C-alpha cells in the first residue's frame, strides 16, 4: 500500500507502507530519501490516508522492495501515473 500524510510537517507527502502495527494503530512509512528503509517514519493511522487501488505494475514492484531506490522508483512512477490521469480527466477524455 501507499499512504499520503494528512497531518504534521510532512502533510501531503507520499510514502510506501512497510508495516502496519495494529497494537499501536500506526504504520511504518518510507519515502526512500528522507525516511529510508533502515529508519522508517512511524505515523499514527488517523494521520494518513491509505492508497489501496494501485496499478498492477506498482503492486509487482512493491513485492520486490529491498533498496531505498526501489521505494523512490515506486513513488515516482505512481506520481507520474496520477498526474497523467489528471491530465486525461481534465482534457475531457474518459478514464478507464
PDB file of N, CA and C in Angstrom:
ATOM      1  N   UNK A   1       0.840  -1.183   0.000  1.00  0.00           N
ATOM      2  CA  UNK A   1       0.000   0.000   0.000  1.00  0.00           C
ATOM      3  C   UNK A   1       0.881   1.241   0.000  1.00  0.00           C
ATOM      4  N   UNK A   2       0.283   2.314  -0.429  1.00  0.00           N
ATOM      5  CA  UNK A   2       0.894   3.626  -0.323  1.00  0.00           C
ATOM      6  C   UNK A   2       0.064   4.430   0.662  1.00  0.00           C
ATOM      7  N   UNK A   3       0.639   5.511   1.180  1.00  0.00           N
ATOM      8  CA  UNK A   3      -0.074   6.360   2.125  1.00  0.00           C
ATOM      9  C   UNK A   3       0.308   7.808   1.890  1.00  0.00           C
ATOM     10  N   UNK A   4      -0.679   8.690   2.051  1.00  0.00           N
ATOM     11  CA  UNK A   4      -0.474  10.134   1.963  1.00  0.00           C
ATOM     12  C   UNK A   4      -0.609  10.690   3.371  1.00  0.00           C
ATOM     13  N   UNK A   5       0.365  11.491   3.775  1.00  0.00           N
ATOM     14  CA  UNK A   5       0.325  12.113   5.093  1.00  0.00           C
ATOM     15  C   UNK A   5      -0.734  13.205   5.112  1.00  0.00           C
ATOM     16  N   UNK A   6      -1.593  13.182   6.136  1.00  0.00           N
ATOM     17  CA  UNK A   6      -2.667  14.161   6.257  1.00  0.00           C
ATOM     18  C   UNK A   6      -2.381  15.232   7.302  1.00  0.00           C
ATOM     19  N   UNK A   7      -1.406  14.977   8.181  1.00  0.00           N
ATOM     20  CA  UNK A   7      -1.133  15.916   9.267  1.00  0.00           C
ATOM     21  C   UNK A   7       0.349  15.916   9.597  1.00  0.00           C
ATOM     22  N   UNK A   8       0.790  17.013  10.183  1.00  0.00           N
ATOM     23  CA  UNK A   8       2.176  17.128  10.592  1.00  0.00           C
ATOM     24  C   UNK A   8       2.986  17.927   9.591  1.00  0.00           C
ATOM     25  N   UNK A   9       4.275  18.062   9.865  1.00  0.00           N
ATOM     26  CA  UNK A   9       5.145  18.846   8.984  1.00  0.00           C
ATOM     27  C   UNK A   9       5.332  18.207   7.616  1.00  0.00           C
ATOM     28  N   UNK A  10       4.997  16.918   7.507  1.00  0.00           N
ATOM     29  CA  UNK A  10       5.131  16.201   6.240  1.00  0.00           C
ATOM     30  C   UNK A  10       3.797  16.069   5.504  1.00  0.00           C
ATOM     31  N   UNK A  11       2.827  16.899   5.850  1.00  0.00           N
ATOM     32  CA  UNK A  11       1.498  16.844   5.234  1.00  0.00           C
ATOM     33  C   UNK A  11       1.609  16.894   3.712  1.00  0.00           C
ATOM     34  N   UNK A  12       0.930  15.964   3.044  1.00  0.00           N
ATOM     35  CA  UNK A  12       0.939  15.912   1.592  1.00  0.00           C
ATOM     36  C   UNK A  12       2.005  15.008   1.002  1.00  0.00           C
ATOM     37  N   UNK A  13       2.902  14.489   1.834  1.00  0.00           N
ATOM     38  CA  UNK A  13       3.958  13.602   1.333  1.00  0.00           C
ATOM     39  C   UNK A  13       3.411  12.202   1.098  1.00  0.00           C
ATOM     40  N   UNK A  14       3.980  11.549   0.104  1.00  0.00           N
ATOM     41  CA  UNK A  14       3.592  10.196  -0.268  1.00  0.00           C
ATOM     42  C   UNK A  14       4.629   9.213   0.258  1.00  0.00           C
ATOM     43  N   UNK A  15       4.171   8.111   0.827  1.00  0.00           N
ATOM     44  CA  UNK A  15       5.048   7.103   1.410  1.00  0.00           C
ATOM     45  C   UNK A  15       4.612   5.706   0.979  1.00  0.00           C
ATOM     46  N   UNK A  16       5.548   4.771   1.067  1.00  0.00           N
ATOM     47  CA  UNK A  16       5.240   3.343   0.935  1.00  0.00           C
ATOM     48  C   UNK A  16       5.034   2.809   2.345  1.00  0.00           C
ATOM     49  N   UNK A  17       3.964   2.057   2.550  1.00  0.00           N
ATOM     50  CA  UNK A  17       3.696   1.454   3.854  1.00  0.00           C
ATOM     51  C   UNK A  17       4.522   0.178   3.959  1.00  0.00           C
ATOM     52  N   UNK A  18       5.422   0.144   4.934  1.00  0.00           N
ATOM     53  CA  UNK A  18       6.275  -1.018   5.135  1.00  0.00           C
ATOM     54  C   UNK A  18       5.655  -2.023   6.093  1.00  0.00           C
ATOM     55  N   UNK A  19       4.959  -1.499   7.097  1.00  0.00           N
ATOM     56  CA  UNK A  19       4.420  -2.370   8.130  1.00  0.00           C
ATOM     57  C   UNK A  19       3.255  -1.684   8.825  1.00  0.00           C
ATOM     58  N   UNK A  20       2.264  -2.488   9.218  1.00  0.00           N
ATOM     59  CA  UNK A  20       1.136  -1.982   9.990  1.00  0.00           C
ATOM     60  C   UNK A  20       1.249  -2.523  11.407  1.00  0.00           C
ATOM     61  N   UNK A  21       1.229  -1.640  12.390  1.00  0.00           N
ATOM     62  CA  UNK A  21       1.267  -2.044  13.798  1.00  0.00           C
ATOM     63  C   UNK A  21      -0.135  -1.895  14.363  1.00  0.00           C
ATOM     64  N   UNK A  22      -0.897  -2.985  14.357  1.00  0.00           N
ATOM     65  CA  UNK A  22      -2.288  -2.916  14.789  1.00  0.00           C
ATOM     66  C   UNK A  22      -2.408  -2.652  16.292  1.00  0.00           C
ATOM     67  N   UNK A  23      -1.411  -3.058  17.071  1.00  0.00           N
ATOM     68  CA  UNK A  23      -1.453  -2.818  18.508  1.00  0.00           C
ATOM     69  C   UNK A  23      -1.378  -1.345  18.859  1.00  0.00           C
ATOM     70  N   UNK A  24      -0.594  -0.584  18.110  1.00  0.00           N
ATOM     71  CA  UNK A  24      -0.445   0.843  18.377  1.00  0.00           C
ATOM     72  C   UNK A  24      -1.221   1.687  17.369  1.00  0.00           C
ATOM     73  N   UNK A  25      -1.914   1.042  16.438  1.00  0.00           N
ATOM     74  CA  UNK A  25      -2.697   1.724  15.411  1.00  0.00           C
ATOM     75  C   UNK A  25      -1.838   2.737  14.652  1.00  0.00           C
ATOM     76  N   UNK A  26      -0.693   2.244  14.152  1.00  0.00           N
ATOM     77  CA  UNK A  26       0.228   3.106  13.409  1.00  0.00           C
ATOM     78  C   UNK A  26       0.840   2.330  12.252  1.00  0.00           C
ATOM     79  N   UNK A  27       1.539   3.065  11.403  1.00  0.00           N
ATOM     80  CA  UNK A  27       2.198   2.482  10.242  1.00  0.00           C
ATOM     81  C   UNK A  27       3.658   2.899  10.226  1.00  0.00           C
ATOM     82  N   UNK A  28       4.503   2.035   9.668  1.00  0.00           N
ATOM     83  CA  UNK A  28       5.889   2.393   9.403  1.00  0.00           C
ATOM     84  C   UNK A  28       5.961   2.754   7.925  1.00  0.00           C
ATOM     85  N   UNK A  29       6.454   3.969   7.638  1.00  0.00           N
ATOM     86  CA  UNK A  29       6.427   4.520   6.295  1.00  0.00           C
ATOM     87  C   UNK A  29       7.833   4.869   5.829  1.00  0.00           C
ATOM     88  N   UNK A  30       8.049   4.756   4.522  1.00  0.00           N
ATOM     89  CA  UNK A  30       9.332   5.120   3.934  1.00  0.00           C
ATOM     90  C   UNK A  30       9.100   5.859   2.632  1.00  0.00           C
ATOM     91  N   UNK A  31       9.948   6.879   2.393  1.00  0.00           N
ATOM     92  CA  UNK A  31       9.914   7.566   1.098  1.00  0.00           C
ATOM     93  C   UNK A  31      11.195   7.312   0.310  1.00  0.00           C
ATOM     94  N   UNK A  32      12.137   6.563   0.900  1.00  0.00           N
ATOM     95  CA  UNK A  32      13.368   6.206   0.209  1.00  0.00           C
ATOM     96  C   UNK A  32      14.420   7.292   0.181  1.00  0.00           C
ATOM     97  N   UNK A  33      14.076   8.487   0.644  1.00  0.00           N
ATOM     98  CA  UNK A  33      15.036   9.592   0.619  1.00  0.00           C
ATOM     99  C   UNK A  33      15.269  10.119   2.034  1.00  0.00           C
ATOM    100  N   UNK A  34      14.259  10.759   2.608  1.00  0.00           N
ATOM    101  CA  UNK A  34      14.388  11.288   3.964  1.00  0.00           C
ATOM    102  C   UNK A  34      14.094  10.214   5.005  1.00  0.00           C
ATOM    103  N   UNK A  35      13.139   9.372   4.709  1.00  0.00           N
ATOM    104  CA  UNK A  35      12.794   8.247   5.582  1.00  0.00           C
ATOM    105  C   UNK A  35      13.124   6.961   4.836  1.00  0.00           C
ATOM    106  N   UNK A  36      14.277   6.410   5.186  1.00  0.00           N
ATOM    107  CA  UNK A  36      14.790   5.250   4.468  1.00  0.00           C
ATOM    108  C   UNK A  36      14.219   3.958   5.041  1.00  0.00           C
ATOM    109  N   UNK A  37      14.531   2.857   4.387  1.00  0.00           N
ATOM    110  CA  UNK A  37      14.080   1.556   4.867  1.00  0.00           C
ATOM    111  C   UNK A  37      14.674   1.231   6.232  1.00  0.00           C
ATOM    112  N   UNK A  38      15.883   1.707   6.492  1.00  0.00           N
ATOM    113  CA  UNK A  38      16.523   1.431   7.776  1.00  0.00           C
ATOM    114  C   UNK A  38      16.033   2.362   8.889  1.00  0.00           C
ATOM    115  N   UNK A  39      15.425   3.495   8.527  1.00  0.00           N
ATOM    116  CA  UNK A  39      14.894   4.442   9.510  1.00  0.00           C
ATOM    117  C   UNK A  39      13.513   4.936   9.072  1.00  0.00           C
ATOM    118  N   UNK A  40      12.506   4.043   9.080  1.00  0.00           N
ATOM    119  CA  UNK A  40      11.176   4.456   8.621  1.00  0.00           C
ATOM    120  C   UNK A  40      10.495   5.389   9.620  1.00  0.00           C
ATOM    121  N   UNK A  41       9.501   6.090   9.143  1.00  0.00           N
ATOM    122  CA  UNK A  41       8.720   7.008   9.965  1.00  0.00           C
ATOM    123  C   UNK A  41       7.533   6.256  10.536  1.00  0.00           C
ATOM    124  N   UNK A  42       7.314   6.392  11.852  1.00  0.00           N
ATOM    125  CA  UNK A  42       6.111   5.835  12.469  1.00  0.00           C
ATOM    126  C   UNK A  42       5.064   6.935  12.463  1.00  0.00           C
ATOM    127  N   UNK A  43       3.890   6.625  11.907  1.00  0.00           N
ATOM    128  CA  UNK A  43       2.838   7.631  11.785  1.00  0.00           C
ATOM    129  C   UNK A  43       1.527   7.022  12.261  1.00  0.00           C
ATOM    130  N   UNK A  44       0.802   7.768  13.068  1.00  0.00           N
ATOM    131  CA  UNK A  44      -0.497   7.344  13.573  1.00  0.00           C
ATOM    132  C   UNK A  44      -1.456   7.120  12.407  1.00  0.00           C
ATOM    133  N   UNK A  45      -2.253   6.076  12.494  1.00  0.00           N
ATOM    134  CA  UNK A  45      -3.152   5.699  11.404  1.00  0.00           C
ATOM    135  C   UNK A  45      -4.160   6.797  11.070  1.00  0.00           C
ATOM    136  N   UNK A  46      -4.565   7.588  12.055  1.00  0.00           N
ATOM    137  CA  UNK A  46      -5.547   8.638  11.769  1.00  0.00           C
ATOM    138  C   UNK A  46      -4.920   9.837  11.050  1.00  0.00           C
ATOM    139  N   UNK A  47      -3.587   9.847  10.912  1.00  0.00           N
ATOM    140  CA  UNK A  47      -2.901  10.946  10.241  1.00  0.00           C
ATOM    141  C   UNK A  47      -2.442  10.594   8.829  1.00  0.00           C
ATOM    142  N   UNK A  48      -2.899   9.447   8.311  1.00  0.00           N
ATOM    143  CA  UNK A  48      -2.550   9.060   6.947  1.00  0.00           C
ATOM    144  C   UNK A  48      -3.801   8.612   6.193  1.00  0.00           C
ATOM    145  N   UNK A  49      -3.747   8.786   4.884  1.00  0.00           N
ATOM    146  CA  UNK A  49      -4.789   8.261   4.011  1.00  0.00           C
ATOM    147  C   UNK A  49      -4.157   7.151   3.188  1.00  0.00           C
ATOM    148  N   UNK A  50      -4.674   5.934   3.345  1.00  0.00           N
ATOM    149  CA  UNK A  50      -4.130   4.798   2.614  1.00  0.00           C
ATOM    150  C   UNK A  50      -4.588   4.828   1.161  1.00  0.00           C
ATOM    151  N   UNK A  51      -3.706   4.434   0.272  1.00  0.00           N
ATOM    152  CA  UNK A  51      -4.000   4.330  -1.159  1.00  0.00           C
ATOM    153  C   UNK A  51      -3.891   2.852  -1.499  1.00  0.00           C
ATOM    154  N   UNK A  52      -5.022   2.215  -1.688  1.00  0.00           N
ATOM    155  CA  UNK A  52      -5.031   0.770  -1.891  1.00  0.00           C
ATOM    156  C   UNK A  52      -5.256   0.368  -3.343  1.00  0.00           C
ATOM    157  N   UNK A  53      -5.839   1.240  -4.157  1.00  0.00           N
ATOM    158  CA  UNK A  53      -6.078   0.925  -5.569  1.00  0.00           C
ATOM    159  C   UNK A  53      -4.865   1.363  -6.372  1.00  0.00           C
ATOM    160  N   UNK A  54      -3.999   0.392  -6.637  1.00  0.00           N
ATOM    161  CA  UNK A  54      -2.740   0.673  -7.319  1.00  0.00           C
ATOM    162  C   UNK A  54      -2.657  -0.096  -8.624  1.00  0.00           C
ATOM    163  N   UNK A  55      -1.944   0.444  -9.595  1.00  0.00           N
ATOM    164  CA  UNK A  55      -1.727  -0.294 -10.846  1.00  0.00           C
ATOM    165  C   UNK A  55      -0.988  -1.607 -10.571  1.00  0.00           C
ATOM    166  N   UNK A  56      -1.226  -2.599 -11.413  1.00  0.00           N
ATOM    167  CA  UNK A  56      -0.584  -3.907 -11.239  1.00  0.00           C
ATOM    168  C   UNK A  56       0.940  -3.807 -11.263  1.00  0.00           C
ATOM    169  N   UNK A  57       1.469  -2.918 -12.097  1.00  0.00           N
ATOM    170  CA  UNK A  57       2.921  -2.770 -12.170  1.00  0.00           C
ATOM    171  C   UNK A  57       3.484  -2.267 -10.839  1.00  0.00           C
ATOM    172  N   UNK A  58       2.770  -1.377 -10.182  1.00  0.00           N
ATOM    173  CA  UNK A  58       3.208  -0.863  -8.882  1.00  0.00           C
ATOM    174  C   UNK A  58       3.141  -1.956  -7.831  1.00  0.00           C
ATOM    175  N   UNK A  59       2.076  -2.741  -7.850  1.00  0.00           N
ATOM    176  CA  UNK A  59       1.941  -3.836  -6.889  1.00  0.00           C
ATOM    177  C   UNK A  59       3.064  -4.852  -7.050  1.00  0.00           C
ATOM    178  N   UNK A  60       3.429  -5.142  -8.295  1.00  0.00           N
ATOM    179  CA  UNK A  60       4.510  -6.096  -8.541  1.00  0.00           C
ATOM    180  C   UNK A  60       5.833  -5.565  -8.006  1.00  0.00           C
ATOM    181  N   UNK A  61       6.084  -4.284  -8.210  1.00  0.00           N
ATOM    182  CA  UNK A  61       7.333  -3.682  -7.709  1.00  0.00           C
ATOM    183  C   UNK A  61       7.371  -3.658  -6.186  1.00  0.00           C
ATOM    184  N   UNK A  62       6.228  -3.506  -5.561  1.00  0.00           N
ATOM    185  CA  UNK A  62       6.193  -3.427  -4.096  1.00  0.00           C
ATOM    186  C   UNK A  62       6.597  -4.757  -3.452  1.00  0.00           C
ATOM    187  N   UNK A  63       6.434  -5.854  -4.171  1.00  0.00           N
ATOM    188  CA  UNK A  63       6.829  -7.157  -3.651  1.00  0.00           C
ATOM    189  C   UNK A  63       8.338  -7.331  -3.646  1.00  0.00           C
ATOM    190  N   UNK A  64       9.048  -6.483  -4.404  1.00  0.00           N
ATOM    191  CA  UNK A  64      10.491  -6.633  -4.581  1.00  0.00           C
ATOM    192  C   UNK A  64      11.297  -5.528  -3.906  1.00  0.00           C
ATOM    193  N   UNK A  65      10.734  -4.840  -2.929  1.00  0.00           N
ATOM    194  CA  UNK A  65      11.436  -3.736  -2.282  1.00  0.00           C
ATOM    195  C   UNK A  65      12.560  -4.277  -1.402  1.00  0.00           C
ATOM    196  N   UNK A  66      13.795  -3.923  -1.756  1.00  0.00           N
ATOM    197  CA  UNK A  66      14.946  -4.271  -0.924  1.00  0.00           C
ATOM    198  C   UNK A  66      15.873  -3.074  -0.746  1.00  0.00           C
ATOM    199  N   UNK A  67      15.718  -2.062  -1.595  1.00  0.00           N
ATOM    200  CA  UNK A  67      16.575  -0.878  -1.553  1.00  0.00           C
ATOM    201  C   UNK A  67      15.724   0.388  -1.504  1.00  0.00           C
ATOM    202  N   UNK A  68      16.331   1.455  -0.985  1.00  0.00           N
ATOM    203  CA  UNK A  68      15.651   2.744  -0.978  1.00  0.00           C
ATOM    204  C   UNK A  68      15.352   3.212  -2.401  1.00  0.00           C
ATOM    205  N   UNK A  69      16.196   2.851  -3.339  1.00  0.00           N
ATOM    206  CA  UNK A  69      15.973   3.216  -4.738  1.00  0.00           C
ATOM    207  C   UNK A  69      14.682   2.595  -5.268  1.00  0.00           C
ATOM    208  N   UNK A  70      14.338   1.395  -4.816  1.00  0.00           N
ATOM    209  CA  UNK A  70      13.087   0.759  -5.229  1.00  0.00           C
ATOM    210  C   UNK A  70      11.896   1.571  -4.728  1.00  0.00           C
ATOM    211  N   UNK A  71      11.968   2.048  -3.492  1.00  0.00           N
ATOM    212  CA  UNK A  71      10.892   2.854  -2.912  1.00  0.00           C
ATOM    213  C   UNK A  71      10.728   4.148  -3.710  1.00  0.00           C
ATOM    214  N   UNK A  72      11.840   4.827  -3.994  1.00  0.00           N
ATOM    215  CA  UNK A  72      11.782   6.071  -4.760  1.00  0.00           C
ATOM    216  C   UNK A  72      11.178   5.844  -6.143  1.00  0.00           C
ATOM    217  N   UNK A  73      11.533   4.747  -6.798  1.00  0.00           N
ATOM    218  CA  UNK A  73      11.020   4.435  -8.133  1.00  0.00           C
ATOM    219  C   UNK A  73       9.512   4.185  -8.093  1.00  0.00           C
ATOM    220  N   UNK A  74       9.040   3.475  -7.091  1.00  0.00           N
ATOM    221  CA  UNK A  74       7.607   3.207  -6.942  1.00  0.00           C
ATOM    222  C   UNK A  74       6.845   4.515  -6.771  1.00  0.00           C
ATOM    223  N   UNK A  75       7.331   5.392  -5.884  1.00  0.00           N
ATOM    224  CA  UNK A  75       6.652   6.659  -5.627  1.00  0.00           C
ATOM    225  C   UNK A  75       6.685   7.568  -6.852  1.00  0.00           C
ATOM    226  N   UNK A  76       7.803   7.572  -7.569  1.00  0.00           N
ATOM    227  CA  UNK A  76       7.933   8.393  -8.775  1.00  0.00           C
ATOM    228  C   UNK A  76       6.963   7.910  -9.858  1.00  0.00           C
ATOM    229  N   UNK A  77       6.914   6.601 -10.073  1.00  0.00           N
ATOM    230  CA  UNK A  77       6.022   6.047 -11.097  1.00  0.00           C
ATOM    231  C   UNK A  77       4.555   6.275 -10.747  1.00  0.00           C
ATOM    232  N   UNK A  78       4.215   6.116  -9.471  1.00  0.00           N
ATOM    233  CA  UNK A  78       2.830   6.330  -9.050  1.00  0.00           C
ATOM    234  C   UNK A  78       2.438   7.790  -9.245  1.00  0.00           C
ATOM    235  N   UNK A  79       3.315   8.712  -8.849  1.00  0.00           N
ATOM    236  CA  UNK A  79       3.026  10.143  -9.004  1.00  0.00           C
ATOM    237  C   UNK A  79       2.853  10.509 -10.473  1.00  0.00           C
ATOM    238  N   UNK A  80       3.696   9.961 -11.337  1.00  0.00           N
ATOM    239  CA  UNK A  80       3.581  10.227 -12.772  1.00  0.00           C
ATOM    240  C   UNK A  80       2.269   9.678 -13.312  1.00  0.00           C
ATOM    241  N   UNK A  81       1.866   8.513 -12.857  1.00  0.00           N
ATOM    242  CA  UNK A  81       0.620   7.892 -13.291  1.00  0.00           C
ATOM    243  C   UNK A  81      -0.573   8.737 -12.860  1.00  0.00           C
ATOM    244  N   UNK A  82      -0.539   9.267 -11.646  1.00  0.00           N
ATOM    245  CA  UNK A  82      -1.633  10.106 -11.140  1.00  0.00           C
ATOM    246  C   UNK A  82      -1.706  11.408 -11.935  1.00  0.00           C
ATOM    247  N   UNK A  83      -0.546  12.032 -12.206  1.00  0.00           N
ATOM    248  CA  UNK A  83      -0.531  13.270 -12.994  1.00  0.00           C
ATOM    249  C   UNK A  83      -1.070  13.026 -14.402  1.00  0.00           C
ATOM    250  N   UNK A  84      -0.689  11.905 -15.005  1.00  0.00           N
ATOM    251  CA  UNK A  84      -1.172  11.578 -16.346  1.00  0.00           C
ATOM    252  C   UNK A  84      -2.684  11.384 -16.322  1.00  0.00           C
ATOM    253  N   UNK A  85      -3.187  10.732 -15.296  1.00  0.00           N
ATOM    254  CA  UNK A  85      -4.627  10.504 -15.168  1.00  0.00           C
ATOM    255  C   UNK A  85      -5.360  11.839 -14.987  1.00  0.00           C
ATOM    256  N   UNK A  86      -4.794  12.751 -14.212  1.00  0.00           N
ATOM    257  CA  UNK A  86      -5.396  14.064 -14.014  1.00  0.00           C
ATOM    258  C   UNK A  86      -5.464  14.843 -15.319  1.00  0.00           C
ATOM    259  N   UNK A  87      -4.412  14.760 -16.127  1.00  0.00           N
ATOM    260  CA  UNK A  87      -4.391  15.458 -17.417  1.00  0.00           C
ATOM    261  C   UNK A  87      -5.461  14.881 -18.322  1.00  0.00           C
ATOM    262  N   UNK A  88      -5.593  13.578 -18.353  1.00  0.00           N
ATOM    263  CA  UNK A  88      -6.597  12.950 -19.199  1.00  0.00           C
ATOM    264  C   UNK A  88      -8.006  13.317 -18.732  1.00  0.00           C
ATOM    265  N   UNK A  89      -8.228  13.339 -17.422  1.00  0.00           N
ATOM    266  CA  UNK A  89      -9.541  13.688 -16.893  1.00  0.00           C
ATOM    267  C   UNK A  89      -9.904  15.141 -17.196  1.00  0.00           C
ATOM    268  N   UNK A  90      -8.943  16.035 -17.109  1.00  0.00           N
ATOM    269  CA  UNK A  90      -9.214  17.453 -17.345  1.00  0.00           C
ATOM    270  C   UNK A  90      -9.361  17.787 -18.826  1.00  0.00           C
ATOM    271  N   UNK A  91      -8.847  16.929 -19.695  1.00  0.00           N
ATOM    272  CA  UNK A  91      -8.962  17.202 -21.127  1.00  0.00           C
ATOM    273  C   UNK A  91     -10.264  16.668 -21.722  1.00  0.00           C
ATOM    274  N   UNK A  92     -11.073  16.016 -20.911  1.00  0.00           N
ATOM    275  CA  UNK A  92     -12.366  15.557 -21.382  1.00  0.00           C
ATOM    276  C   UNK A  92     -12.388  14.124 -21.853  1.00  0.00           C
ATOM    277  N   UNK A  93     -11.263  13.418 -21.813  1.00  0.00           N
ATOM    278  CA  UNK A  93     -11.246  12.027 -22.204  1.00  0.00           C
ATOM    279  C   UNK A  93     -11.829  11.179 -21.086  1.00  0.00           C
ATOM    280  N   UNK A  94     -12.437  10.102 -21.477  1.00  0.00           N
ATOM    281  CA  UNK A  94     -12.977   9.161 -20.496  1.00  0.00           C
ATOM    282  C   UNK A  94     -11.833   8.379 -19.889  1.00  0.00           C
ATOM    283  N   UNK A  95     -11.839   8.226 -18.579  1.00  0.00           N
ATOM    284  CA  UNK A  95     -10.809   7.425 -17.936  1.00  0.00           C
ATOM    285  C   UNK A  95     -11.343   6.037 -17.687  1.00  0.00           C
ATOM    286  N   UNK A  96     -10.448   5.061 -17.720  1.00  0.00           N
ATOM    287  CA  UNK A  96     -10.889   3.679 -17.531  1.00  0.00           C
ATOM    288  C   UNK A  96     -10.610   3.210 -16.137  1.00  0.00           C
TER     289      UNK A  96
END
